[in-house]
Amino acid sequence: MAKRTTRHGARKSLWGTLAVAVILALVGYILVVNIRVNRTVTVTSDTAGLLEERGKKVSELRGEITDMSSQINALKNLTGDKDTSDTEDPGAGTVLKAVEGPGLKVTLNDSPLWQQKVGQDGSNANINDYVIHQQDVESVVNALWAGGAESMQIQDQRVLPTTAVRCVGNVLLLHGRKYSPPYTISAIGPVNGMSDALDESPAIRIYKEYVNSVGLGWKVERLDSLRFPETTAMLQPLQYARVDGKAGR
């Protein structure tokens, strides 16, 4: 009887050790998961704060650049240099003057159904069909240029040859600033030509199919007078590639 009791006690000790090991492993796993989650939340919060701080810094620097550019143009005028800041070429001067004329105003917006699609079953597999994307904005910009646009503005910023349209999710990044939909693209130029270019664009035709099927926002306004404010241009003139005169000989 004593021997059996000893063996049974040994088995209980073995199972107890295994149980403790499993519990410790589970506790360790839970601790690791919590650390990772907390770290992710912290990084996300820090990223949002950094973006906000960066946006404020960009605004401050743009204000300083505008002031310095105005001083440079004033000095150029005093020294007798020709003032070419009334052109759209950012290499021609430091400040682009305000422009005014007839044009088009195109507004793009997310579908009002996108929130419902996310909330019905918790799935967002088709959410991309209901929001504005980078290529949608680019399609409008390209069509307006093709239609003869002389000057353009996205949201409240003038479009330069160096302007890059970038979207992160449904947020537009433009010249260091963030914008949420609706997105407005305005262009000064031949109204009929730009309107025809919008109608003839294959990319915009596809976009309009989503307008009809899922309710994406699309609005085109003809305006007798559009005015774009003065803006600071880049100081470094653009350099273009040239065809070699000896090529093909």
C-alpha atoms as a PDB file:
ATOM      1  CA  MET A   1       0.000   0.000   0.000  1.00  0.00           C
ATOM      2  CA  ALA A   2       2.856   2.295   0.765  1.00  0.00           C
ATOM      3  CA  LYS A   3       4.412   1.748  -2.632  1.00  0.00           C
ATOM      4  CA  ARG A   4       1.143   2.499  -4.475  1.00  0.00           C
ATOM      5  CA  THR A   5       0.676   5.627  -2.464  1.00  0.00           C
ATOM      6  CA  THR A   6       4.188   6.748  -3.427  1.00  0.00           C
ATOM      7  CA  ARG A   7       3.605   6.151  -7.138  1.00  0.00           C
ATOM      8  CA  HIS A   8       0.245   7.982  -7.092  1.00  0.00           C
ATOM      9  CA  GLY A   9       1.892  10.930  -5.379  1.00  0.00           C
ATOM     10  CA  ALA A  10       4.578  11.015  -8.057  1.00  0.00           C
ATOM     11  CA  ARG A  11       1.964  11.115 -10.818  1.00  0.00           C
ATOM     12  CA  LYS A  12       0.142  13.961  -9.099  1.00  0.00           C
ATOM     13  CA  SER A  13       3.410  15.875  -8.847  1.00  0.00           C
ATOM     14  CA  LEU A  14       4.122  15.368 -12.568  1.00  0.00           C
ATOM     15  CA  TRP A  15       0.663  16.539 -13.679  1.00  0.00           C
ATOM     16  CA  GLY A  16       0.881  19.498 -11.327  1.00  0.00           C
ATOM     17  CA  THR A  17       4.194  20.548 -12.842  1.00  0.00           C
ATOM     18  CA  LEU A  18       2.782  20.313 -16.359  1.00  0.00           C
ATOM     19  CA  ALA A  19      -0.279  22.340 -15.379  1.00  0.00           C
ATOM     20  CA  VAL A  20       1.874  25.066 -13.851  1.00  0.00           C
ATOM     21  CA  ALA A  21       4.041  25.157 -16.980  1.00  0.00           C
ATOM     22  CA  VAL A  22       0.995  25.516 -19.247  1.00  0.00           C
ATOM     23  CA  ILE A  23      -0.451  28.295 -17.070  1.00  0.00           C
ATOM     24  CA  LEU A  24       2.849  30.178 -17.067  1.00  0.00           C
ATOM     25  CA  ALA A  25       3.084  29.829 -20.847  1.00  0.00           C
ATOM     26  CA  LEU A  26      -0.425  31.233 -21.275  1.00  0.00           C
ATOM     27  CA  VAL A  27       0.292  34.119 -18.911  1.00  0.00           C
ATOM     28  CA  GLY A  28       3.490  34.904 -20.812  1.00  0.00           C
ATOM     29  CA  TYR A  29       1.627  34.851 -24.125  1.00  0.00           C
ATOM     30  CA  ILE A  30      -1.040  37.219 -22.795  1.00  0.00           C
ATOM     31  CA  LEU A  31       1.632  39.597 -21.509  1.00  0.00           C
ATOM     32  CA  VAL A  32       3.402  39.626 -24.893  1.00  0.00           C
ATOM     33  CA  VAL A  33       0.122  40.331 -26.717  1.00  0.00           C
ATOM     34  CA  ASN A  34      -0.699  43.198 -24.340  1.00  0.00           C
ATOM     35  CA  ILE A  35       2.740  44.723 -24.834  1.00  0.00           C
ATOM     36  CA  ARG A  36       2.380  44.559 -28.616  1.00  0.00           C
ATOM     37  CA  VAL A  37      -1.098  46.080 -28.556  1.00  0.00           C
ATOM     38  CA  ASN A  38      -0.038  48.904 -26.254  1.00  0.00           C
ATOM     39  CA  ARG A  39       3.028  49.553 -28.381  1.00  0.00           C
ATOM     40  CA  THR A  40       0.878  49.721 -31.548  1.00  0.00           C
ATOM     41  CA  VAL A  41      -1.535  52.174 -29.930  1.00  0.00           C
ATOM     42  CA  THR A  42       1.358  54.339 -28.786  1.00  0.00           C
ATOM     43  CA  VAL A  43       2.958  54.361 -32.244  1.00  0.00           C
ATOM     44  CA  THR A  44      -0.378  55.221 -33.882  1.00  0.00           C
ATOM     45  CA  SER A  45      -0.933  58.085 -31.461  1.00  0.00           C
ATOM     46  CA  ASP A  46       2.601  59.349 -31.971  1.00  0.00           C
ATOM     47  CA  THR A  47       2.206  59.180 -35.765  1.00  0.00           C
ATOM     48  CA  ALA A  48      -0.964  61.258 -35.687  1.00  0.00           C
ATOM     49  CA  GLY A  49       0.756  63.801 -33.485  1.00  0.00           C
ATOM     50  CA  LEU A  50       3.782  63.945 -35.770  1.00  0.00           C
ATOM     51  CA  LEU A  51       1.579  64.507 -38.820  1.00  0.00           C
ATOM     52  CA  GLU A  52      -0.263  67.305 -37.049  1.00  0.00           C
ATOM     53  CA  GLU A  53       3.015  68.903 -35.990  1.00  0.00           C
ATOM     54  CA  ARG A  54       4.420  68.542 -39.491  1.00  0.00           C
ATOM     55  CA  GLY A  55       1.361  70.243 -40.996  1.00  0.00           C
ATOM     56  CA  LYS A  56       1.794  73.228 -38.681  1.00  0.00           C
ATOM     57  CA  LYS A  57       5.499  73.431 -39.499  1.00  0.00           C
ATOM     58  CA  VAL A  58       4.783  73.356 -43.229  1.00  0.00           C
ATOM     59  CA  SER A  59       2.318  76.229 -42.866  1.00  0.00           C
ATOM     60  CA  GLU A  60       4.869  78.281 -40.927  1.00  0.00           C
ATOM     61  CA  LEU A  61       7.613  77.633 -43.481  1.00  0.00           C
ATOM     62  CA  ARG A  62       5.294  78.514 -46.376  1.00  0.00           C
ATOM     63  CA  GLY A  63       4.529  81.825 -44.714  1.00  0.00           C
ATOM     64  CA  GLU A  64       8.244  82.555 -44.361  1.00  0.00           C
ATOM     65  CA  ILE A  65       8.891  81.567 -47.991  1.00  0.00           C
ATOM     66  CA  THR A  66       6.105  83.857 -49.187  1.00  0.00           C
ATOM     67  CA  ASP A  67       7.538  86.813 -47.251  1.00  0.00           C
ATOM     68  CA  MET A  68      11.067  86.173 -48.520  1.00  0.00           C
ATOM     69  CA  SER A  69       9.859  85.673 -52.093  1.00  0.00           C
ATOM     70  CA  SER A  70       8.025  88.994 -52.014  1.00  0.00           C
ATOM     71  CA  GLN A  71      11.222  90.689 -50.837  1.00  0.00           C
ATOM     72  CA  ILE A  72      13.223  89.015 -53.622  1.00  0.00           C
ATOM     73  CA  ASN A  73      10.750  90.169 -56.272  1.00  0.00           C
ATOM     74  CA  ALA A  74      10.838  93.696 -54.875  1.00  0.00           C
ATOM     75  CA  LEU A  75      14.643  93.697 -55.100  1.00  0.00           C
ATOM     76  CA  LYS A  76      14.492  92.367 -58.658  1.00  0.00           C
ATOM     77  CA  ASN A  77      12.190  95.208 -59.625  1.00  0.00           C
ATOM     78  CA  LEU A  78      14.507  97.767 -58.002  1.00  0.00           C
ATOM     79  CA  THR A  79      17.503  96.399 -59.897  1.00  0.00           C
ATOM     80  CA  GLY A  80      15.624  96.572 -63.185  1.00  0.00           C
ATOM     81  CA  ASP A  81      15.192  92.831 -63.708  1.00  0.00           C
ATOM     82  CA  LYS A  82      12.114  91.864 -65.689  1.00  0.00           C
ATOM     83  CA  ASP A  83       9.281  90.672 -63.470  1.00  0.00           C
ATOM     84  CA  THR A  84       7.948  87.436 -64.927  1.00  0.00           C
ATOM     85  CA  SER A  85       5.990  86.278 -61.916  1.00  0.00           C
ATOM     86  CA  ASP A  86       2.695  86.548 -63.778  1.00  0.00           C
ATOM     87  CA  THR A  87       3.344  83.288 -65.663  1.00  0.00           C
ATOM     88  CA  GLU A  88       2.499  79.755 -64.573  1.00  0.00           C
ATOM     89  CA  ASP A  89       6.124  78.639 -64.948  1.00  0.00           C
ATOM     90  CA  PRO A  90       7.523  78.271 -61.408  1.00  0.00           C
ATOM     91  CA  GLY A  91      11.013  78.770 -62.766  1.00  0.00           C
ATOM     92  CA  ALA A  92      10.160  82.228 -64.082  1.00  0.00           C
ATOM     93  CA  GLY A  93       9.795  83.930 -60.703  1.00  0.00           C
ATOM     94  CA  THR A  94       9.427  83.381 -57.013  1.00  0.00           C
ATOM     95  CA  VAL A  95       5.750  84.282 -56.722  1.00  0.00           C
ATOM     96  CA  LEU A  96       2.873  83.435 -59.034  1.00  0.00           C
ATOM     97  CA  LYS A  97       0.450  86.338 -59.166  1.00  0.00           C
ATOM     98  CA  ALA A  98      -3.273  85.887 -58.670  1.00  0.00           C
ATOM     99  CA  VAL A  99      -5.170  84.895 -61.814  1.00  0.00           C
ATOM    100  CA  GLU A 100      -8.817  85.242 -62.773  1.00  0.00           C
ATOM    101  CA  GLY A 101     -11.005  84.029 -65.610  1.00  0.00           C
ATOM    102  CA  PRO A 102     -13.786  81.656 -66.684  1.00  0.00           C
ATOM    103  CA  GLY A 103     -13.407  77.995 -65.879  1.00  0.00           C
ATOM    104  CA  LEU A 104     -14.712  74.734 -64.451  1.00  0.00           C
ATOM    105  CA  LYS A 105     -15.032  73.479 -60.908  1.00  0.00           C
ATOM    106  CA  VAL A 106     -15.156  69.698 -60.437  1.00  0.00           C
ATOM    107  CA  THR A 107     -16.110  68.179 -57.075  1.00  0.00           C
ATOM    108  CA  LEU A 108     -15.472  64.541 -56.135  1.00  0.00           C
ATOM    109  CA  ASN A 109     -16.873  62.943 -52.996  1.00  0.00           C
ATOM    110  CA  ASP A 110     -17.165  59.586 -51.240  1.00  0.00           C
ATOM    111  CA  SER A 111     -20.421  57.692 -51.549  1.00  0.00           C
ATOM    112  CA  PRO A 112     -22.823  58.256 -48.629  1.00  0.00           C
ATOM    113  CA  LEU A 113     -23.296  54.452 -48.569  1.00  0.00           C
ATOM    114  CA  TRP A 114     -19.751  53.575 -47.446  1.00  0.00           C
ATOM    115  CA  GLN A 115     -20.534  53.764 -43.725  1.00  0.00           C
ATOM    116  CA  GLN A 116     -23.496  51.437 -44.176  1.00  0.00           C
ATOM    117  CA  LYS A 117     -21.359  48.925 -46.050  1.00  0.00           C
ATOM    118  CA  VAL A 118     -18.856  48.810 -43.208  1.00  0.00           C
ATOM    119  CA  GLY A 119     -21.478  48.654 -40.474  1.00  0.00           C
ATOM    120  CA  GLN A 120     -23.763  45.902 -41.806  1.00  0.00           C
ATOM    121  CA  ASP A 121     -21.591  42.829 -41.138  1.00  0.00           C
ATOM    122  CA  GLY A 122     -18.326  44.340 -39.930  1.00  0.00           C
ATOM    123  CA  SER A 123     -16.675  43.638 -43.266  1.00  0.00           C
ATOM    124  CA  ASN A 124     -15.116  46.311 -45.468  1.00  0.00           C
ATOM    125  CA  ALA A 125     -14.085  44.115 -48.388  1.00  0.00           C
ATOM    126  CA  ASN A 126     -15.766  46.405 -50.943  1.00  0.00           C
ATOM    127  CA  ILE A 127     -15.137  49.720 -49.188  1.00  0.00           C
ATOM    128  CA  ASN A 128     -12.727  50.802 -51.942  1.00  0.00           C
ATOM    129  CA  ASP A 129     -15.648  51.025 -54.350  1.00  0.00           C
ATOM    130  CA  TYR A 130     -17.288  53.702 -52.210  1.00  0.00           C
ATOM    131  CA  VAL A 131     -14.421  56.160 -51.636  1.00  0.00           C
ATOM    132  CA  ILE A 132     -12.367  58.546 -53.782  1.00  0.00           C
ATOM    133  CA  HIS A 133      -8.907  57.368 -54.801  1.00  0.00           C
ATOM    134  CA  GLN A 134      -5.744  59.048 -56.001  1.00  0.00           C
ATOM    135  CA  GLN A 135      -6.321  57.976 -59.598  1.00  0.00           C
ATOM    136  CA  ASP A 136      -9.747  59.638 -59.571  1.00  0.00           C
ATOM    137  CA  VAL A 137      -8.254  63.021 -58.726  1.00  0.00           C
ATOM    138  CA  GLU A 138      -5.434  62.476 -61.218  1.00  0.00           C
ATOM    139  CA  SER A 139      -7.926  61.617 -63.966  1.00  0.00           C
ATOM    140  CA  VAL A 140      -9.740  64.918 -63.526  1.00  0.00           C
ATOM    141  CA  VAL A 141      -6.472  66.876 -63.411  1.00  0.00           C
ATOM    142  CA  ASN A 142      -5.141  65.207 -66.562  1.00  0.00           C
ATOM    143  CA  ALA A 143      -8.398  65.722 -68.450  1.00  0.00           C
ATOM    144  CA  LEU A 144      -8.534  69.424 -67.567  1.00  0.00           C
ATOM    145  CA  TRP A 145      -4.939  69.939 -68.732  1.00  0.00           C
ATOM    146  CA  ALA A 146      -5.751  68.063 -71.939  1.00  0.00           C
ATOM    147  CA  GLY A 147      -8.758  70.346 -72.435  1.00  0.00           C
ATOM    148  CA  GLY A 148      -6.568  73.459 -72.418  1.00  0.00           C
ATOM    149  CA  ALA A 149      -6.533  74.506 -68.761  1.00  0.00           C
ATOM    150  CA  GLU A 150      -4.272  77.511 -68.259  1.00  0.00           C
ATOM    151  CA  SER A 151      -4.164  77.471 -64.459  1.00  0.00           C
ATOM    152  CA  MET A 152      -5.424  74.967 -61.905  1.00  0.00           C
ATOM    153  CA  GLN A 153      -6.113  74.675 -58.214  1.00  0.00           C
ATOM    154  CA  ILE A 154      -6.804  71.623 -56.019  1.00  0.00           C
ATOM    155  CA  GLN A 155      -8.650  72.485 -52.815  1.00  0.00           C
ATOM    156  CA  ASP A 156      -7.016  75.819 -51.856  1.00  0.00           C
ATOM    157  CA  GLN A 157      -3.614  75.266 -53.485  1.00  0.00           C
ATOM    158  CA  ARG A 158      -2.352  76.176 -56.936  1.00  0.00           C
ATOM    159  CA  VAL A 159      -1.115  73.297 -59.082  1.00  0.00           C
ATOM    160  CA  LEU A 160       2.523  73.558 -60.218  1.00  0.00           C
ATOM    161  CA  PRO A 161       4.526  71.282 -62.547  1.00  0.00           C
ATOM    162  CA  THR A 162       6.061  69.803 -59.408  1.00  0.00           C
ATOM    163  CA  THR A 163       2.720  69.155 -57.684  1.00  0.00           C
ATOM    164  CA  ALA A 164       2.161  65.501 -56.765  1.00  0.00           C
ATOM    165  CA  VAL A 165      -1.302  64.157 -55.962  1.00  0.00           C
ATOM    166  CA  ARG A 166      -1.027  61.475 -53.277  1.00  0.00           C
ATOM    167  CA  CYS A 167      -3.718  59.768 -51.230  1.00  0.00           C
ATOM    168  CA  VAL A 168      -3.300  57.723 -48.061  1.00  0.00           C
ATOM    169  CA  GLY A 169      -6.584  55.941 -47.499  1.00  0.00           C
ATOM    170  CA  ASN A 170      -9.184  58.579 -48.237  1.00  0.00           C
ATOM    171  CA  VAL A 171      -6.938  61.471 -47.175  1.00  0.00           C
ATOM    172  CA  LEU A 172      -5.319  63.669 -49.833  1.00  0.00           C
ATOM    173  CA  LEU A 173      -1.739  64.827 -49.227  1.00  0.00           C
ATOM    174  CA  LEU A 174      -0.860  67.975 -51.148  1.00  0.00           C
ATOM    175  CA  HIS A 175       2.200  70.175 -50.591  1.00  0.00           C
ATOM    176  CA  GLY A 176       2.576  68.879 -47.040  1.00  0.00           C
ATOM    177  CA  ARG A 177      -1.063  69.399 -46.059  1.00  0.00           C
ATOM    178  CA  LYS A 178      -3.865  66.892 -45.464  1.00  0.00           C
ATOM    179  CA  TYR A 179      -7.366  67.136 -46.958  1.00  0.00           C
ATOM    180  CA  SER A 180     -10.488  65.035 -46.547  1.00  0.00           C
ATOM    181  CA  PRO A 181     -13.240  64.659 -49.170  1.00  0.00           C
ATOM    182  CA  PRO A 182     -15.005  66.278 -50.877  1.00  0.00           C
ATOM    183  CA  TYR A 183     -12.137  67.190 -53.219  1.00  0.00           C
ATOM    184  CA  THR A 184     -12.433  70.225 -55.463  1.00  0.00           C
ATOM    185  CA  ILE A 185     -10.397  70.693 -58.663  1.00  0.00           C
ATOM    186  CA  SER A 186     -10.808  74.094 -60.325  1.00  0.00           C
ATOM    187  CA  ALA A 187      -9.340  75.161 -63.660  1.00  0.00           C
ATOM    188  CA  ILE A 188      -9.231  78.447 -65.550  1.00  0.00           C
ATOM    189  CA  GLY A 189      -9.288  78.130 -69.321  1.00  0.00           C
ATOM    190  CA  PRO A 190     -11.543  77.291 -72.294  1.00  0.00           C
ATOM    191  CA  VAL A 191     -14.712  76.004 -70.647  1.00  0.00           C
ATOM    192  CA  ASN A 192     -16.024  74.055 -73.632  1.00  0.00           C
ATOM    193  CA  GLY A 193     -12.677  72.423 -74.351  1.00  0.00           C
ATOM    194  CA  MET A 194     -12.198  71.305 -70.742  1.00  0.00           C
ATOM    195  CA  SER A 195     -15.780  70.054 -70.515  1.00  0.00           C
ATOM    196  CA  ASP A 196     -15.341  67.995 -73.684  1.00  0.00           C
ATOM    197  CA  ALA A 197     -12.069  66.566 -72.334  1.00  0.00           C
ATOM    198  CA  LEU A 198     -13.845  65.419 -69.168  1.00  0.00           C
ATOM    199  CA  ASP A 199     -16.540  63.697 -71.231  1.00  0.00           C
ATOM    200  CA  GLU A 200     -13.993  62.008 -73.495  1.00  0.00           C
ATOM    201  CA  SER A 201     -11.688  60.725 -70.745  1.00  0.00           C
ATOM    202  CA  PRO A 202     -11.859  56.883 -70.494  1.00  0.00           C
ATOM    203  CA  ALA A 203     -10.860  57.008 -66.816  1.00  0.00           C
ATOM    204  CA  ILE A 204     -13.664  59.427 -65.982  1.00  0.00           C
ATOM    205  CA  ARG A 205     -16.167  57.299 -67.893  1.00  0.00           C
ATOM    206  CA  ILE A 206     -15.289  54.416 -65.574  1.00  0.00           C
ATOM    207  CA  TYR A 207     -15.607  56.741 -62.582  1.00  0.00           C
ATOM    208  CA  LYS A 208     -19.081  57.790 -63.720  1.00  0.00           C
ATOM    209  CA  GLU A 209     -20.128  54.129 -63.788  1.00  0.00           C
ATOM    210  CA  TYR A 210     -19.409  54.030 -60.050  1.00  0.00           C
ATOM    211  CA  VAL A 211     -21.303  57.302 -59.667  1.00  0.00           C
ATOM    212  CA  ASN A 212     -24.381  55.578 -61.055  1.00  0.00           C
ATOM    213  CA  SER A 213     -23.902  52.240 -59.278  1.00  0.00           C
ATOM    214  CA  VAL A 214     -22.661  53.130 -55.773  1.00  0.00           C
ATOM    215  CA  GLY A 215     -23.296  56.865 -55.493  1.00  0.00           C
ATOM    216  CA  LEU A 216     -19.819  58.408 -55.729  1.00  0.00           C
ATOM    217  CA  GLY A 217     -20.016  62.208 -55.806  1.00  0.00           C
ATOM    218  CA  TRP A 218     -19.571  63.977 -59.164  1.00  0.00           C
ATOM    219  CA  LYS A 219     -20.353  67.622 -59.828  1.00  0.00           C
ATOM    220  CA  VAL A 220     -19.160  69.916 -62.625  1.00  0.00           C
ATOM    221  CA  GLU A 221     -19.849  73.661 -62.464  1.00  0.00           C
ATOM    222  CA  ARG A 222     -19.288  76.214 -65.226  1.00  0.00           C
ATOM    223  CA  LEU A 223     -18.211  79.517 -63.741  1.00  0.00           C
ATOM    224  CA  ASP A 224     -17.900  82.861 -65.501  1.00  0.00           C
ATOM    225  CA  SER A 225     -15.185  83.950 -63.091  1.00  0.00           C
ATOM    226  CA  LEU A 226     -12.696  81.950 -61.055  1.00  0.00           C
ATOM    227  CA  ARG A 227      -9.926  83.572 -59.043  1.00  0.00           C
ATOM    228  CA  PHE A 228      -6.788  81.842 -57.761  1.00  0.00           C
ATOM    229  CA  PRO A 229      -4.777  83.727 -55.131  1.00  0.00           C
ATOM    230  CA  GLU A 230      -1.092  84.528 -55.306  1.00  0.00           C
ATOM    231  CA  THR A 231       1.175  81.648 -54.382  1.00  0.00           C
ATOM    232  CA  THR A 232       4.868  81.001 -53.856  1.00  0.00           C
ATOM    233  CA  ALA A 233       6.668  79.065 -56.586  1.00  0.00           C
ATOM    234  CA  MET A 234       9.876  77.091 -56.418  1.00  0.00           C
ATOM    235  CA  LEU A 235      13.086  79.092 -56.715  1.00  0.00           C
ATOM    236  CA  GLN A 236      14.984  76.468 -58.721  1.00  0.00           C
ATOM    237  CA  PRO A 237      14.160  76.635 -62.460  1.00  0.00           C
ATOM    238  CA  LEU A 238      13.027  73.379 -63.993  1.00  0.00           C
ATOM    239  CA  GLN A 239      15.388  71.541 -66.319  1.00  0.00           C
ATOM    240  CA  TYR A 240      14.054  69.584 -69.268  1.00  0.00           C
ATOM    241  CA  ALA A 241      15.624  66.928 -71.447  1.00  0.00           C
ATOM    242  CA  ARG A 242      16.349  67.978 -75.044  1.00  0.00           C
ATOM    243  CA  VAL A 243      16.568  65.977 -78.233  1.00  0.00           C
ATOM    244  CA  ASP A 244      20.173  65.562 -79.373  1.00  0.00           C
ATOM    245  CA  GLY A 245      20.601  67.292 -82.726  1.00  0.00           C
ATOM    246  CA  LYS A 246      22.954  64.531 -83.825  1.00  0.00           C
ATOM    247  CA  ALA A 247      20.511  61.756 -83.011  1.00  0.00           C
ATOM    248  CA  GLY A 248      19.492  59.633 -85.968  1.00  0.00           C
ATOM    249  CA  ARG A 249      22.404  60.736 -88.153  1.00  0.00           C
END
